[in-house]
Amino acid sequence: MSSLVAAGSSSSGSANLLIFALPVLLIGFMFITQRRRQKETQRLQSSLGVGDQVTTTSGLLGRITALDDQVATLEVSPGVNIRFNRRAIAGPQTNSSAPNELAADTSSDPTGLSD
């Protein structure tokens, strides 16, 4: 009978260790991924330059015309400049065609319908 109790206590000890180890591992993983994300964001912010085509976190596409420590000025249309907090810049423009090229493509067919 004592061997059954000993066997039961050793397996429950492993289960208790597992119950405490899993949350610790999860929290550690969350810290590591957050640190990696912060380094990537820092790298992006330091690589920004005037003339870069970027996308904001809200999805606005534009070209950087001026940069400050806190503010980035984007030209979203010829002559239209908008000021954004630098942290609102999500990254480089992912669309391969510029906004002006899209406007030129739709000028031939104003309805946007093709035959």
N, C-alpha and C. Protein backbone atom coordinates (compact mmCIF):
# COMPACT_ATOMS: atom_id res chain seq x y z
N MET A 1 0.82 -1.18 0.00
CA MET A 1 0.00 0.00 0.00
C MET A 1 0.86 1.25 0.00
N SER A 2 1.97 1.24 0.72
CA SER A 2 2.84 2.41 0.78
C SER A 2 3.50 2.67 -0.58
N SER A 3 3.71 1.61 -1.37
CA SER A 3 4.28 1.81 -2.70
C SER A 3 3.30 2.52 -3.62
N LEU A 4 1.99 2.28 -3.46
CA LEU A 4 0.99 2.99 -4.24
C LEU A 4 0.95 4.47 -3.88
N VAL A 5 1.05 4.76 -2.61
CA VAL A 5 1.05 6.16 -2.15
C VAL A 5 2.29 6.88 -2.67
N ALA A 6 3.42 6.21 -2.62
CA ALA A 6 4.67 6.81 -3.09
C ALA A 6 4.61 7.05 -4.59
N ALA A 7 4.06 6.10 -5.34
CA ALA A 7 3.94 6.27 -6.79
C ALA A 7 2.97 7.39 -7.12
N GLY A 8 1.89 7.47 -6.36
CA GLY A 8 0.91 8.54 -6.59
C GLY A 8 1.45 9.91 -6.25
N SER A 9 2.24 10.01 -5.21
CA SER A 9 2.78 11.31 -4.82
C SER A 9 3.85 11.79 -5.80
N SER A 10 4.62 10.90 -6.39
CA SER A 10 5.64 11.33 -7.34
C SER A 10 5.01 11.81 -8.65
N SER A 11 3.93 11.19 -9.08
CA SER A 11 3.28 11.65 -10.31
C SER A 11 2.53 12.95 -10.07
N SER A 12 1.96 13.14 -8.88
CA SER A 12 1.29 14.40 -8.60
C SER A 12 2.31 15.52 -8.41
N GLY A 13 3.51 15.19 -7.93
CA GLY A 13 4.59 16.19 -7.82
C GLY A 13 5.00 16.69 -9.19
N SER A 14 5.06 15.79 -10.17
CA SER A 14 5.39 16.18 -11.54
C SER A 14 4.28 17.04 -12.13
N ALA A 15 3.05 16.69 -11.83
CA ALA A 15 1.92 17.47 -12.34
C ALA A 15 1.92 18.87 -11.73
N ASN A 16 2.22 18.97 -10.43
CA ASN A 16 2.29 20.28 -9.79
C ASN A 16 3.41 21.12 -10.39
N LEU A 17 4.54 20.50 -10.66
CA LEU A 17 5.64 21.22 -11.28
C LEU A 17 5.25 21.71 -12.66
N LEU A 18 4.55 20.88 -13.42
CA LEU A 18 4.11 21.26 -14.75
C LEU A 18 3.11 22.41 -14.70
N ILE A 19 2.22 22.39 -13.72
CA ILE A 19 1.22 23.45 -13.57
C ILE A 19 1.91 24.79 -13.30
N PHE A 20 2.98 24.79 -12.54
CA PHE A 20 3.69 26.03 -12.23
C PHE A 20 4.67 26.42 -13.34
N ALA A 21 5.23 25.45 -14.06
CA ALA A 21 6.23 25.74 -15.08
C ALA A 21 5.61 26.32 -16.35
N LEU A 22 4.43 25.86 -16.74
CA LEU A 22 3.83 26.35 -17.98
C LEU A 22 3.54 27.85 -17.96
N PRO A 23 2.93 28.40 -16.92
CA PRO A 23 2.73 29.86 -16.91
C PRO A 23 4.04 30.65 -16.93
N VAL A 24 5.06 30.14 -16.24
CA VAL A 24 6.36 30.82 -16.24
C VAL A 24 6.95 30.82 -17.65
N LEU A 25 6.87 29.71 -18.34
CA LEU A 25 7.37 29.64 -19.72
C LEU A 25 6.57 30.54 -20.64
N LEU A 26 5.27 30.61 -20.46
CA LEU A 26 4.43 31.48 -21.28
C LEU A 26 4.78 32.94 -21.08
N ILE A 27 4.95 33.35 -19.84
CA ILE A 27 5.31 34.74 -19.55
C ILE A 27 6.69 35.06 -20.12
N GLY A 28 7.62 34.15 -20.00
CA GLY A 28 8.96 34.35 -20.58
C GLY A 28 8.89 34.49 -22.09
N PHE A 29 8.09 33.68 -22.74
CA PHE A 29 7.92 33.77 -24.20
C PHE A 29 7.32 35.12 -24.58
N MET A 30 6.35 35.59 -23.80
CA MET A 30 5.73 36.89 -24.10
C MET A 30 6.75 38.02 -23.98
N PHE A 31 7.61 37.99 -22.97
CA PHE A 31 8.63 39.02 -22.82
C PHE A 31 9.62 39.00 -23.99
N ILE A 32 10.02 37.82 -24.40
CA ILE A 32 10.97 37.70 -25.51
C ILE A 32 10.38 38.25 -26.80
N THR A 33 9.14 37.90 -27.12
CA THR A 33 8.53 38.38 -28.35
C THR A 33 8.29 39.88 -28.31
N GLN A 34 7.93 40.43 -27.14
CA GLN A 34 7.73 41.87 -27.01
C GLN A 34 9.05 42.62 -27.21
N ARG A 35 10.12 42.10 -26.66
CA ARG A 35 11.43 42.73 -26.83
C ARG A 35 11.85 42.70 -28.31
N ARG A 36 11.59 41.60 -28.98
CA ARG A 36 11.93 41.48 -30.40
C ARG A 36 11.13 42.49 -31.22
N ARG A 37 9.84 42.65 -30.89
CA ARG A 37 8.99 43.61 -31.58
C ARG A 37 9.47 45.05 -31.36
N GLN A 38 9.89 45.37 -30.14
CA GLN A 38 10.40 46.70 -29.84
C GLN A 38 11.68 47.00 -30.61
N LYS A 39 12.57 46.03 -30.71
CA LYS A 39 13.81 46.23 -31.47
C LYS A 39 13.51 46.45 -32.95
N GLU A 40 12.56 45.72 -33.49
CA GLU A 40 12.18 45.88 -34.90
C GLU A 40 11.59 47.28 -35.13
N THR A 41 10.76 47.74 -34.21
CA THR A 41 10.17 49.07 -34.34
C THR A 41 11.25 50.14 -34.24
N GLN A 42 12.19 49.98 -33.34
CA GLN A 42 13.31 50.93 -33.21
C GLN A 42 14.13 50.96 -34.48
N ARG A 43 14.38 49.80 -35.06
CA ARG A 43 15.16 49.72 -36.30
C ARG A 43 14.43 50.46 -37.42
N LEU A 44 13.11 50.27 -37.51
CA LEU A 44 12.33 50.95 -38.54
C LEU A 44 12.37 52.46 -38.35
N GLN A 45 12.18 52.93 -37.12
CA GLN A 45 12.16 54.37 -36.85
C GLN A 45 13.52 55.00 -37.17
N SER A 46 14.59 54.30 -36.90
CA SER A 46 15.91 54.87 -37.18
C SER A 46 16.24 54.85 -38.67
N SER A 47 15.59 53.99 -39.44
CA SER A 47 15.88 53.90 -40.87
C SER A 47 15.03 54.85 -41.71
N LEU A 48 14.08 55.56 -41.11
CA LEU A 48 13.24 56.47 -41.88
C LEU A 48 14.05 57.64 -42.40
N GLY A 49 13.72 58.06 -43.62
CA GLY A 49 14.41 59.20 -44.21
C GLY A 49 13.47 59.98 -45.11
N VAL A 50 13.84 61.22 -45.38
CA VAL A 50 13.04 62.08 -46.26
C VAL A 50 13.01 61.45 -47.65
N GLY A 51 11.83 61.37 -48.22
CA GLY A 51 11.66 60.80 -49.55
C GLY A 51 11.16 59.36 -49.53
N ASP A 52 11.13 58.73 -48.38
CA ASP A 52 10.67 57.34 -48.28
C ASP A 52 9.15 57.27 -48.44
N GLN A 53 8.68 56.28 -49.17
CA GLN A 53 7.26 56.00 -49.31
C GLN A 53 6.88 55.11 -48.13
N VAL A 54 5.91 55.55 -47.31
CA VAL A 54 5.56 54.81 -46.10
C VAL A 54 4.04 54.64 -45.98
N THR A 55 3.67 53.73 -45.08
CA THR A 55 2.28 53.49 -44.72
C THR A 55 2.14 53.80 -43.24
N THR A 56 1.06 54.48 -42.86
CA THR A 56 0.83 54.75 -41.45
C THR A 56 0.04 53.60 -40.84
N THR A 57 -0.10 53.63 -39.53
CA THR A 57 -0.84 52.57 -38.84
C THR A 57 -2.32 52.60 -39.21
N SER A 58 -2.81 53.74 -39.68
CA SER A 58 -4.21 53.84 -40.10
C SER A 58 -4.40 53.49 -41.58
N GLY A 59 -3.29 53.20 -42.28
CA GLY A 59 -3.39 52.77 -43.67
C GLY A 59 -3.17 53.88 -44.69
N LEU A 60 -2.83 55.07 -44.26
CA LEU A 60 -2.58 56.19 -45.17
C LEU A 60 -1.22 56.02 -45.83
N LEU A 61 -1.17 56.22 -47.14
CA LEU A 61 0.08 56.11 -47.89
C LEU A 61 0.60 57.50 -48.20
N GLY A 62 1.91 57.68 -48.09
CA GLY A 62 2.48 58.99 -48.40
C GLY A 62 3.98 58.92 -48.48
N ARG A 63 4.55 60.08 -48.84
CA ARG A 63 6.00 60.22 -48.95
C ARG A 63 6.46 61.19 -47.87
N ILE A 64 7.51 60.83 -47.16
CA ILE A 64 8.02 61.68 -46.09
C ILE A 64 8.69 62.90 -46.70
N THR A 65 8.22 64.10 -46.28
CA THR A 65 8.83 65.34 -46.77
C THR A 65 9.66 66.03 -45.70
N ALA A 66 9.39 65.76 -44.42
CA ALA A 66 10.17 66.34 -43.33
C ALA A 66 10.13 65.40 -42.14
N LEU A 67 11.24 65.35 -41.41
CA LEU A 67 11.33 64.50 -40.21
C LEU A 67 11.84 65.31 -39.04
N ASP A 68 11.26 65.08 -37.90
CA ASP A 68 11.70 65.66 -36.64
C ASP A 68 11.88 64.51 -35.66
N ASP A 69 12.26 64.80 -34.43
CA ASP A 69 12.39 63.73 -33.44
C ASP A 69 11.04 63.08 -33.14
N GLN A 70 9.97 63.85 -33.16
CA GLN A 70 8.65 63.35 -32.81
C GLN A 70 7.67 63.34 -33.98
N VAL A 71 7.87 64.19 -34.99
CA VAL A 71 6.88 64.41 -36.03
C VAL A 71 7.45 64.07 -37.40
N ALA A 72 6.62 63.40 -38.21
CA ALA A 72 6.94 63.14 -39.61
C ALA A 72 5.87 63.81 -40.46
N THR A 73 6.30 64.58 -41.45
CA THR A 73 5.35 65.24 -42.35
C THR A 73 5.28 64.41 -43.63
N LEU A 74 4.07 63.99 -43.98
CA LEU A 74 3.85 63.16 -45.16
C LEU A 74 3.13 63.94 -46.24
N GLU A 75 3.56 63.76 -47.47
CA GLU A 75 2.85 64.33 -48.60
C GLU A 75 1.97 63.20 -49.15
N VAL A 76 0.65 63.37 -49.03
CA VAL A 76 -0.27 62.33 -49.45
C VAL A 76 -0.82 62.58 -50.84
N SER A 77 -0.70 63.81 -51.31
CA SER A 77 -1.11 64.21 -52.64
C SER A 77 -0.26 65.43 -52.97
N PRO A 78 -0.07 65.75 -54.25
CA PRO A 78 0.77 66.92 -54.56
C PRO A 78 0.25 68.17 -53.85
N GLY A 79 1.11 68.74 -53.01
CA GLY A 79 0.77 69.96 -52.29
C GLY A 79 0.00 69.75 -51.00
N VAL A 80 -0.35 68.50 -50.66
CA VAL A 80 -1.10 68.22 -49.42
C VAL A 80 -0.17 67.51 -48.44
N ASN A 81 0.19 68.22 -47.36
CA ASN A 81 1.08 67.67 -46.35
C ASN A 81 0.32 67.46 -45.06
N ILE A 82 0.57 66.32 -44.43
CA ILE A 82 -0.08 65.97 -43.17
C ILE A 82 1.01 65.62 -42.17
N ARG A 83 0.86 66.13 -40.95
CA ARG A 83 1.84 65.83 -39.90
C ARG A 83 1.35 64.64 -39.08
N PHE A 84 2.25 63.71 -38.82
CA PHE A 84 1.96 62.51 -38.03
C PHE A 84 3.02 62.36 -36.96
N ASN A 85 2.64 61.75 -35.86
CA ASN A 85 3.62 61.32 -34.87
C ASN A 85 4.44 60.22 -35.52
N ARG A 86 5.74 60.23 -35.30
CA ARG A 86 6.60 59.22 -35.93
C ARG A 86 6.19 57.81 -35.58
N ARG A 87 5.64 57.60 -34.39
CA ARG A 87 5.23 56.26 -33.98
C ARG A 87 4.05 55.75 -34.80
N ALA A 88 3.35 56.64 -35.52
CA ALA A 88 2.21 56.22 -36.33
C ALA A 88 2.64 55.66 -37.68
N ILE A 89 3.91 55.69 -37.99
CA ILE A 89 4.39 55.13 -39.26
C ILE A 89 4.61 53.64 -39.06
N ALA A 90 3.85 52.85 -39.82
CA ALA A 90 3.89 51.39 -39.66
C ALA A 90 5.06 50.76 -40.39
N GLY A 91 5.45 51.35 -41.53
CA GLY A 91 6.55 50.77 -42.27
C GLY A 91 6.58 51.27 -43.69
N PRO A 92 7.43 50.68 -44.51
CA PRO A 92 7.51 51.10 -45.90
C PRO A 92 6.23 50.76 -46.66
N GLN A 93 5.98 51.51 -47.69
CA GLN A 93 4.78 51.29 -48.49
C GLN A 93 4.85 49.92 -49.13
N THR A 94 3.80 49.12 -48.94
CA THR A 94 3.80 47.76 -49.46
C THR A 94 3.26 47.68 -50.88
N ASN A 95 2.47 48.65 -51.28
CA ASN A 95 1.91 48.67 -52.62
C ASN A 95 3.01 49.06 -53.59
N SER A 96 3.20 48.30 -54.67
CA SER A 96 4.29 48.56 -55.60
C SER A 96 4.05 49.79 -56.46
N SER A 97 2.79 50.18 -56.70
CA SER A 97 2.53 51.35 -57.53
C SER A 97 2.24 52.56 -56.66
N ALA A 98 2.71 53.71 -57.10
CA ALA A 98 2.52 54.95 -56.35
C ALA A 98 1.08 55.43 -56.50
N PRO A 99 0.58 56.25 -55.58
CA PRO A 99 -0.79 56.75 -55.66
C PRO A 99 -1.04 57.55 -56.95
N ASN A 100 -0.05 58.30 -57.44
CA ASN A 100 -0.23 59.06 -58.67
C ASN A 100 -0.41 58.14 -59.87
N GLU A 101 0.27 57.01 -59.87
CA GLU A 101 0.12 56.06 -60.97
C GLU A 101 -1.28 55.44 -60.97
N LEU A 102 -1.83 55.22 -59.80
CA LEU A 102 -3.19 54.68 -59.72
C LEU A 102 -4.19 55.68 -60.27
N ALA A 103 -3.99 56.97 -59.97
CA ALA A 103 -4.90 57.99 -60.48
C ALA A 103 -4.79 58.09 -62.00
N ALA A 104 -3.59 57.93 -62.56
CA ALA A 104 -3.41 57.99 -64.00
C ALA A 104 -4.07 56.80 -64.68
N ASP A 105 -4.05 55.62 -64.05
CA ASP A 105 -4.67 54.44 -64.64
C ASP A 105 -6.18 54.56 -64.71
N THR A 106 -6.80 55.20 -63.74
CA THR A 106 -8.27 55.29 -63.73
C THR A 106 -8.77 56.48 -64.53
N SER A 107 -7.87 57.39 -64.98
CA SER A 107 -8.31 58.56 -65.73
C SER A 107 -8.84 58.16 -67.11
N SER A 108 -8.35 57.07 -67.69
CA SER A 108 -8.83 56.66 -69.00
C SER A 108 -10.23 56.08 -68.91
N ASP A 109 -10.58 55.47 -67.79
CA ASP A 109 -11.91 54.91 -67.60
C ASP A 109 -12.44 55.40 -66.25
N PRO A 110 -13.15 56.54 -66.24
CA PRO A 110 -13.57 57.12 -64.97
C PRO A 110 -14.52 56.24 -64.17
N THR A 111 -15.21 55.32 -64.79
CA THR A 111 -16.13 54.47 -64.05
C THR A 111 -15.41 53.33 -63.36
N GLY A 112 -14.19 53.01 -63.80
CA GLY A 112 -13.44 51.93 -63.21
C GLY A 112 -13.86 50.57 -63.78
N LEU A 113 -14.77 50.56 -64.73
CA LEU A 113 -15.23 49.32 -65.34
C LEU A 113 -14.44 49.05 -66.61
N SER A 114 -14.11 47.82 -66.86
CA SER A 114 -13.40 47.46 -68.07
C SER A 114 -14.28 46.54 -68.91
N ASP A 115 -14.00 46.52 -70.21
CA ASP A 115 -14.81 45.69 -71.12
C ASP A 115 -14.51 44.24 -71.00
